[in-house]
Amino acid sequence: MDDVELGRFPAQCERPEPVKFAWPIVLLPELFTTPRHLALVFGYLASIGWEVFVPDLRAAFGKGSTHPLEKLRFNDLAALAGEAIDGIGRDAIVLGHGVGGLVALKLSEHRRVKAAVAYAPLAPGFRTPLVGGIANRLAMMWRLPIKPPRGRMLFELIADADPFTRDGLINAMVPDSGAIAADVMAGAIEFAAPDKAAPRLIVAGDSDIFAPLTRTSQFAESIGAKLATIAGRGHWLIGGRALERAMNETQRFLVRALGQDLLLLYPEEWKNDPDD
């Protein structure tokens, strides 16, 4: 793993030997989470031959920054992610979790994005319990940072994570922008029509209380995204038993959507669908 700079953003990068795919994958995290929470996704992708970048977009805002956390809107976050992709200097695939998934879907209209994948994206227009509680509601009204969930909601969030990782995941959570959450819940996000965007995939757990499958299905249909459902899993598709199944859906989608241009090595092995 290497520490690199994508423009003004520090990032982690893994370039496996050999790299098997023509374009790298850029990972984007959920609300309250950081690049650290994507470590299992990062490692899994690298292990099967993907070049992977995980930019730290938080380096662009916070105390003393021109992008204070409490004023960061959804479109601001998408612009920062797009800037990080430009910093790679090549075409890329974007994969995000939760709000990061929504940003990935938004970036499907970016000139450098070949495909966008969203794991458990928050459903625009739905008042997700991920940011529930009186304190967070007041914080969103006053444009203050919101705090990670606690109690039962926290348990529901990480229920599908590997047990030995849960304490570390909880301790690494951070406050986040209430303005981003407010934009999502208000449905104040526009997505390009399918014919003006790169291919899109949404992977959803059918037991996700933070982005219910019925709402996610409606959202996927509204933007022309392919939907893959993982039975018996909730929101935390970036670890535990859900991760391998989510990755299988991702690989299948990318090969079908991007074809053999995606593959650098052993194209004869991929002339047919990998499941055939």
Protein backbone atom coordinates (compact mmCIF):
# COMPACT_ATOMS: atom_id res chain seq x y z
CA MET A 1 0.00 0.00 0.00
CA ASP A 2 1.30 3.44 -0.94
CA ASP A 3 0.45 6.94 0.24
CA VAL A 4 -0.13 9.18 -2.79
CA GLU A 5 -1.55 12.60 -3.60
CA LEU A 6 -4.58 13.02 -5.85
CA GLY A 7 -4.34 16.73 -6.45
CA ARG A 8 -4.77 18.24 -2.98
CA PHE A 9 -6.10 15.04 -1.43
CA PRO A 10 -3.98 12.45 0.37
CA ALA A 11 -4.96 8.94 -0.68
CA GLN A 12 -4.07 5.32 -0.16
CA CYS A 13 -3.26 3.34 -3.27
CA GLU A 14 -2.64 -0.33 -3.96
CA ARG A 15 -1.16 -1.46 -7.28
CA PRO A 16 -1.13 -5.26 -7.28
CA GLU A 17 1.35 -7.24 -9.34
CA PRO A 18 0.07 -7.88 -11.89
CA VAL A 19 -2.74 -5.36 -12.39
CA LYS A 20 -5.48 -7.24 -14.24
CA PHE A 21 -7.90 -4.46 -15.10
CA ALA A 22 -7.57 -1.46 -17.38
CA TRP A 23 -9.00 1.15 -14.99
CA PRO A 24 -8.58 1.70 -11.25
CA ILE A 25 -11.39 1.74 -8.70
CA VAL A 26 -11.92 4.75 -6.43
CA LEU A 27 -13.63 4.04 -3.08
CA LEU A 28 -15.86 6.52 -1.21
CA PRO A 29 -17.18 6.01 2.36
CA GLU A 30 -20.57 6.34 4.07
CA LEU A 31 -21.55 9.14 6.45
CA PHE A 32 -19.61 9.01 9.74
CA THR A 33 -17.01 6.67 8.25
CA THR A 34 -13.52 7.16 6.87
CA PRO A 35 -11.14 5.39 4.47
CA ARG A 36 -10.29 3.08 7.37
CA HIS A 37 -13.79 1.60 7.25
CA LEU A 38 -13.22 0.59 3.62
CA ALA A 39 -10.11 -1.45 4.42
CA LEU A 40 -11.71 -4.83 3.70
CA VAL A 41 -13.11 -3.66 0.37
CA PHE A 42 -9.73 -2.15 -0.46
CA GLY A 43 -7.89 -5.38 0.33
CA TYR A 44 -10.38 -7.60 -1.45
CA LEU A 45 -10.21 -5.60 -4.68
CA ALA A 46 -6.42 -5.49 -4.63
CA SER A 47 -6.23 -9.24 -4.01
CA ILE A 48 -8.08 -9.97 -7.26
CA GLY A 49 -6.02 -7.61 -9.38
CA TRP A 50 -7.59 -4.16 -9.14
CA GLU A 51 -5.62 -0.98 -8.72
CA VAL A 52 -7.45 0.86 -5.91
CA PHE A 53 -7.47 4.45 -4.65
CA VAL A 54 -9.10 5.66 -1.43
CA PRO A 55 -8.93 9.47 -1.23
CA ASP A 56 -9.31 11.24 2.09
CA LEU A 57 -11.76 13.96 1.10
CA ARG A 58 -11.95 15.11 4.72
CA ALA A 59 -8.51 16.63 4.26
CA ALA A 60 -10.24 19.39 2.27
CA PHE A 61 -12.55 20.54 5.06
CA GLY A 62 -12.70 21.00 8.78
CA LYS A 63 -11.14 23.47 11.17
CA GLY A 64 -9.33 26.26 9.38
CA SER A 65 -10.47 25.03 5.98
CA THR A 66 -12.26 26.94 3.25
CA HIS A 67 -14.72 23.99 3.28
CA PRO A 68 -15.97 23.87 6.90
CA LEU A 69 -17.67 20.59 7.72
CA GLU A 70 -20.97 22.13 8.82
CA LYS A 71 -21.43 23.84 5.43
CA LEU A 72 -20.52 20.91 3.20
CA ARG A 73 -23.44 20.06 0.90
CA PHE A 74 -23.93 16.92 -1.18
CA ASN A 75 -22.89 18.60 -4.42
CA ASP A 76 -19.78 19.96 -2.70
CA LEU A 77 -18.82 16.43 -1.68
CA ALA A 78 -19.41 15.18 -5.23
CA ALA A 79 -17.25 18.00 -6.58
CA LEU A 80 -14.43 17.08 -4.19
CA ALA A 81 -14.64 13.43 -5.25
CA GLY A 82 -14.60 14.46 -8.90
CA GLU A 83 -11.50 16.53 -8.23
CA ALA A 84 -9.80 13.50 -6.71
CA ILE A 85 -10.66 11.44 -9.81
CA ASP A 86 -9.17 14.16 -12.00
CA GLY A 87 -6.04 13.85 -9.87
CA ILE A 88 -5.57 10.26 -11.03
CA GLY A 89 -5.28 11.52 -14.59
CA ARG A 90 -6.95 8.46 -16.08
CA ASP A 91 -10.42 7.00 -16.44
CA ALA A 92 -11.68 5.19 -13.34
CA ILE A 93 -14.55 3.25 -11.81
CA VAL A 94 -16.17 4.68 -8.67
CA LEU A 95 -17.53 2.50 -5.86
CA GLY A 96 -19.12 4.01 -2.78
CA HIS A 97 -21.00 2.97 0.35
CA GLY A 98 -24.11 4.78 1.61
CA VAL A 99 -23.72 8.49 0.86
CA GLY A 100 -20.48 7.55 -0.87
CA GLY A 101 -22.59 5.33 -3.12
CA LEU A 102 -24.85 8.27 -3.99
CA VAL A 103 -21.75 10.30 -4.84
CA ALA A 104 -20.54 7.45 -7.05
CA LEU A 105 -23.88 7.43 -8.89
CA LYS A 106 -23.73 11.21 -9.27
CA LEU A 107 -20.21 10.92 -10.70
CA SER A 108 -21.43 8.54 -13.39
CA GLU A 109 -21.81 11.72 -15.47
CA HIS A 110 -18.14 12.68 -14.90
CA ARG A 111 -16.03 12.51 -18.08
CA ARG A 112 -13.43 10.25 -16.40
CA VAL A 113 -15.85 7.72 -14.90
CA LYS A 114 -16.36 4.45 -16.79
CA ALA A 115 -18.90 2.93 -14.35
CA ALA A 116 -20.42 3.67 -10.93
CA VAL A 117 -21.27 1.17 -8.21
CA ALA A 118 -23.21 1.99 -5.04
CA TYR A 119 -23.37 -0.33 -2.03
CA ALA A 120 -26.44 0.37 0.12
CA PRO A 121 -26.88 3.95 -1.09
CA LEU A 122 -29.12 6.12 1.04
CA ALA A 123 -32.41 6.63 -0.78
CA PRO A 124 -33.03 10.26 -1.75
CA GLY A 125 -36.22 11.55 -0.20
CA PHE A 126 -36.23 9.00 2.63
CA ARG A 127 -35.71 10.15 6.24
CA THR A 128 -33.12 7.57 7.14
CA PRO A 129 -32.74 6.57 10.80
CA LEU A 130 -28.96 6.66 10.24
CA VAL A 131 -29.09 10.34 11.20
CA GLY A 132 -32.05 10.13 13.58
CA GLY A 133 -32.40 11.52 17.09
CA ILE A 134 -33.36 14.93 18.40
CA ALA A 135 -29.77 16.15 18.66
CA ASN A 136 -29.05 15.37 15.03
CA ARG A 137 -32.33 16.88 13.84
CA LEU A 138 -31.45 20.11 15.63
CA ALA A 139 -27.92 19.99 14.27
CA MET A 140 -29.26 19.72 10.70
CA MET A 141 -31.57 22.69 11.31
CA TRP A 142 -28.69 24.77 12.65
CA ARG A 143 -26.22 23.51 10.03
CA LEU A 144 -23.97 21.90 12.61
CA PRO A 145 -22.09 18.60 12.34
CA ILE A 146 -24.15 15.51 13.16
CA LYS A 147 -22.98 12.59 15.30
CA PRO A 148 -22.78 8.86 14.49
CA PRO A 149 -25.67 6.66 15.61
CA ARG A 150 -25.72 5.09 19.07
CA GLY A 151 -27.52 2.24 20.78
CA ARG A 152 -29.82 0.10 18.66
CA MET A 153 -29.18 2.12 15.48
CA LEU A 154 -25.44 1.63 15.85
CA PHE A 155 -25.95 -2.10 16.35
CA GLU A 156 -28.13 -2.24 13.23
CA LEU A 157 -25.50 -0.35 11.24
CA ILE A 158 -22.62 -2.74 11.94
CA ALA A 159 -24.60 -5.93 12.52
CA ASP A 160 -23.20 -7.56 9.37
CA ALA A 161 -19.58 -6.61 10.12
CA ASP A 162 -17.16 -9.28 11.33
CA PRO A 163 -17.43 -9.41 15.15
CA PHE A 164 -13.69 -8.94 15.68
CA THR A 165 -13.78 -5.64 13.72
CA ARG A 166 -16.78 -4.00 15.39
CA ASP A 167 -15.03 -2.17 18.23
CA GLY A 168 -12.50 -0.69 15.84
CA LEU A 169 -15.20 0.38 13.41
CA ILE A 170 -17.18 2.11 16.16
CA ASN A 171 -14.15 3.90 17.59
CA ALA A 172 -13.15 5.18 14.14
CA MET A 173 -16.50 6.83 13.39
CA VAL A 174 -16.52 10.63 13.18
CA PRO A 175 -19.05 13.49 13.10
CA ASP A 176 -20.27 14.45 9.66
CA SER A 177 -22.10 17.14 7.73
CA GLY A 178 -25.75 17.60 8.59
CA ALA A 179 -26.17 19.56 5.37
CA ILE A 180 -25.28 16.48 3.30
CA ALA A 181 -27.80 14.38 5.22
CA ALA A 182 -30.46 17.08 4.82
CA ASP A 183 -29.87 17.22 1.05
CA VAL A 184 -30.27 13.46 0.76
CA MET A 185 -33.42 13.26 2.87
CA ALA A 186 -34.96 16.19 0.98
CA GLY A 187 -34.27 14.39 -2.29
CA ALA A 188 -32.41 17.50 -3.47
CA ILE A 189 -30.04 15.62 -5.79
CA GLU A 190 -30.22 15.45 -9.55
CA PHE A 191 -28.87 12.50 -11.56
CA ALA A 192 -28.14 12.48 -15.27
CA ALA A 193 -30.34 10.43 -17.57
CA PRO A 194 -29.00 6.91 -18.27
CA ASP A 195 -27.99 7.81 -21.83
CA LYS A 196 -25.83 10.65 -20.51
CA ALA A 197 -24.08 8.67 -17.79
CA ALA A 198 -21.78 5.71 -17.36
CA PRO A 199 -23.33 2.33 -16.41
CA ARG A 200 -24.64 2.23 -12.84
CA LEU A 201 -25.08 -0.61 -10.36
CA ILE A 202 -26.77 -0.54 -6.96
CA VAL A 203 -26.14 -3.42 -4.55
CA ALA A 204 -28.62 -3.53 -1.67
CA GLY A 205 -29.32 -5.74 1.31
CA ASP A 206 -32.94 -6.76 1.64
CA SER A 207 -32.85 -6.14 5.42
CA ASP A 208 -31.40 -2.62 5.34
CA ILE A 209 -33.42 -0.35 7.64
CA PHE A 210 -31.33 2.70 6.68
CA ALA A 211 -32.14 2.38 2.97
CA PRO A 212 -35.17 0.07 2.69
CA LEU A 213 -35.21 -2.14 -0.38
CA THR A 214 -38.56 -0.81 -1.62
CA ARG A 215 -37.19 2.74 -1.66
CA THR A 216 -33.89 1.61 -3.16
CA SER A 217 -35.69 -0.28 -5.92
CA GLN A 218 -37.73 2.80 -6.80
CA PHE A 219 -34.60 4.92 -6.82
CA ALA A 220 -32.68 2.46 -9.03
CA GLU A 221 -35.55 2.41 -11.52
CA SER A 222 -35.76 6.20 -11.56
CA ILE A 223 -32.13 6.60 -12.65
CA GLY A 224 -31.90 3.50 -14.84
CA ALA A 225 -29.46 1.67 -12.56
CA LYS A 226 -29.16 -2.11 -12.40
CA LEU A 227 -30.16 -3.44 -8.96
CA ALA A 228 -28.62 -6.50 -7.29
CA THR A 229 -30.13 -7.67 -4.00
CA ILE A 230 -28.32 -9.59 -1.26
CA ALA A 231 -30.72 -11.67 0.81
CA GLY A 232 -30.56 -11.53 4.58
CA ARG A 233 -28.13 -8.59 4.78
CA GLY A 234 -28.46 -5.03 5.98
CA HIS A 235 -26.52 -1.83 5.42
CA TRP A 236 -22.95 -2.94 6.13
CA LEU A 237 -22.13 -4.54 2.77
CA ILE A 238 -18.44 -3.58 3.07
CA GLY A 239 -17.48 -6.39 5.41
CA GLY A 240 -18.59 -9.70 6.87
CA ARG A 241 -20.35 -12.33 4.79
CA ALA A 242 -22.03 -9.73 2.59
CA LEU A 243 -18.76 -8.46 1.12
CA GLU A 244 -17.93 -11.44 -1.08
CA ARG A 245 -21.45 -11.54 -2.47
CA ALA A 246 -21.40 -7.79 -3.15
CA MET A 247 -18.05 -8.17 -4.89
CA ASN A 248 -19.33 -11.01 -7.05
CA GLU A 249 -22.22 -8.82 -8.19
CA THR A 250 -19.78 -5.97 -8.86
CA GLN A 251 -17.39 -8.08 -10.93
CA ARG A 252 -20.23 -9.56 -12.97
CA PHE A 253 -21.70 -6.12 -13.65
CA LEU A 254 -18.40 -4.51 -14.64
CA VAL A 255 -17.43 -7.28 -17.05
CA ARG A 256 -20.85 -7.21 -18.69
CA ALA A 257 -21.05 -3.41 -18.82
CA LEU A 258 -17.50 -2.63 -19.92
CA GLY A 259 -16.60 -5.76 -21.88
CA GLN A 260 -13.12 -6.96 -22.69
CA ASP A 261 -11.73 -3.41 -22.76
CA LEU A 262 -11.78 -3.74 -18.97
CA LEU A 263 -9.32 -6.63 -18.94
CA LEU A 264 -5.58 -6.31 -19.26
CA LEU A 265 -4.57 -9.92 -18.77
CA TYR A 266 -5.85 -13.29 -19.88
CA PRO A 267 -8.74 -11.99 -22.04
CA GLU A 268 -9.34 -15.51 -23.40
CA GLU A 269 -10.56 -16.52 -19.95
CA TRP A 270 -13.23 -13.83 -19.99
CA LYS A 271 -14.72 -14.11 -23.46
CA ASN A 272 -17.85 -15.52 -21.88
CA ASP A 273 -19.57 -14.41 -18.71
CA PRO A 274 -17.40 -15.37 -15.71
CA ASP A 275 -20.30 -17.42 -14.31
CA ASP A 276 -20.65 -19.53 -17.47
